[in-house]
Amino acid sequence: MNNLESLQNLLELLVLLVTLSSQSPWLGIVAAVGVLLCLLIVDILTALKVR
């Protein structure tokens, strides 16, 4: 995944987070946790691929 794709994914997750937060605070919290998990998983997979 190149930097442009990573930035695009991050912006899409940010838009999702803001959209859900505006609907309900609980949805915003769930979305934030989901975004953090997604970023963590991508980071782990990237680290494993480098090795």
C-alpha atoms as a PDB file:
ATOM      1  CA  MET A   1       0.000   0.000   0.000  1.00  0.00           C
ATOM      2  CA  ASN A   2       1.560   3.281  -0.999  1.00  0.00           C
ATOM      3  CA  ASN A   3       1.324   6.566   0.873  1.00  0.00           C
ATOM      4  CA  LEU A   4      -1.511   7.922  -1.274  1.00  0.00           C
ATOM      5  CA  GLU A   5      -3.673   4.868  -0.594  1.00  0.00           C
ATOM      6  CA  SER A   6      -2.879   5.089   3.121  1.00  0.00           C
ATOM      7  CA  LEU A   7      -3.853   8.754   3.199  1.00  0.00           C
ATOM      8  CA  GLN A   8      -7.063   8.033   1.304  1.00  0.00           C
ATOM      9  CA  ASN A   9      -7.979   5.249   3.744  1.00  0.00           C
ATOM     10  CA  LEU A  10      -7.243   7.488   6.713  1.00  0.00           C
ATOM     11  CA  LEU A  11      -9.422  10.272   5.296  1.00  0.00           C
ATOM     12  CA  GLU A  12     -12.259   7.823   4.620  1.00  0.00           C
ATOM     13  CA  LEU A  13     -12.075   6.576   8.206  1.00  0.00           C
ATOM     14  CA  LEU A  14     -12.038  10.165   9.479  1.00  0.00           C
ATOM     15  CA  VAL A  15     -15.147  11.025   7.448  1.00  0.00           C
ATOM     16  CA  LEU A  16     -16.870   7.912   8.802  1.00  0.00           C
ATOM     17  CA  LEU A  17     -15.937   8.874  12.347  1.00  0.00           C
ATOM     18  CA  VAL A  18     -17.217  12.449  11.994  1.00  0.00           C
ATOM     19  CA  THR A  19     -20.428  11.302  10.308  1.00  0.00           C
ATOM     20  CA  LEU A  20     -21.234   8.738  12.979  1.00  0.00           C
ATOM     21  CA  SER A  21     -20.296  11.140  15.783  1.00  0.00           C
ATOM     22  CA  SER A  22     -22.778  13.675  14.484  1.00  0.00           C
ATOM     23  CA  GLN A  23     -25.543  11.056  14.586  1.00  0.00           C
ATOM     24  CA  SER A  24     -24.896   9.788  18.102  1.00  0.00           C
ATOM     25  CA  PRO A  25     -22.071  10.062  20.620  1.00  0.00           C
ATOM     26  CA  TRP A  26     -22.144   6.281  21.127  1.00  0.00           C
ATOM     27  CA  LEU A  27     -21.736   5.669  17.411  1.00  0.00           C
ATOM     28  CA  GLY A  28     -18.776   8.038  17.462  1.00  0.00           C
ATOM     29  CA  ILE A  29     -17.146   6.088  20.281  1.00  0.00           C
ATOM     30  CA  VAL A  30     -17.719   2.765  18.518  1.00  0.00           C
ATOM     31  CA  ALA A  31     -16.379   4.217  15.267  1.00  0.00           C
ATOM     32  CA  ALA A  32     -13.287   5.597  17.036  1.00  0.00           C
ATOM     33  CA  VAL A  33     -12.529   2.185  18.537  1.00  0.00           C
ATOM     34  CA  GLY A  34     -13.064   0.590  15.136  1.00  0.00           C
ATOM     35  CA  VAL A  35     -10.723   3.066  13.466  1.00  0.00           C
ATOM     36  CA  LEU A  36      -8.022   2.422  16.064  1.00  0.00           C
ATOM     37  CA  LEU A  37      -8.364  -1.339  15.624  1.00  0.00           C
ATOM     38  CA  CYS A  38      -8.239  -0.988  11.853  1.00  0.00           C
ATOM     39  CA  LEU A  39      -5.089   1.131  12.020  1.00  0.00           C
ATOM     40  CA  LEU A  40      -3.502  -1.311  14.473  1.00  0.00           C
ATOM     41  CA  ILE A  41      -4.276  -4.294  12.245  1.00  0.00           C
ATOM     42  CA  VAL A  42      -2.905  -2.529   9.164  1.00  0.00           C
ATOM     43  CA  ASP A  43       0.235  -1.593  11.095  1.00  0.00           C
ATOM     44  CA  ILE A  44       0.760  -5.180  12.270  1.00  0.00           C
ATOM     45  CA  LEU A  45       0.193  -6.600   8.794  1.00  0.00           C
ATOM     46  CA  THR A  46       2.597  -4.070   7.305  1.00  0.00           C
ATOM     47  CA  ALA A  47       5.240  -4.959   9.894  1.00  0.00           C
ATOM     48  CA  LEU A  48       4.846  -8.670   9.165  1.00  0.00           C
ATOM     49  CA  LYS A  49       5.079  -8.087   5.422  1.00  0.00           C
ATOM     50  CA  VAL A  50       8.347  -6.137   5.802  1.00  0.00           C
ATOM     51  CA  ARG A  51      10.060  -9.029   7.595  1.00  0.00           C
END
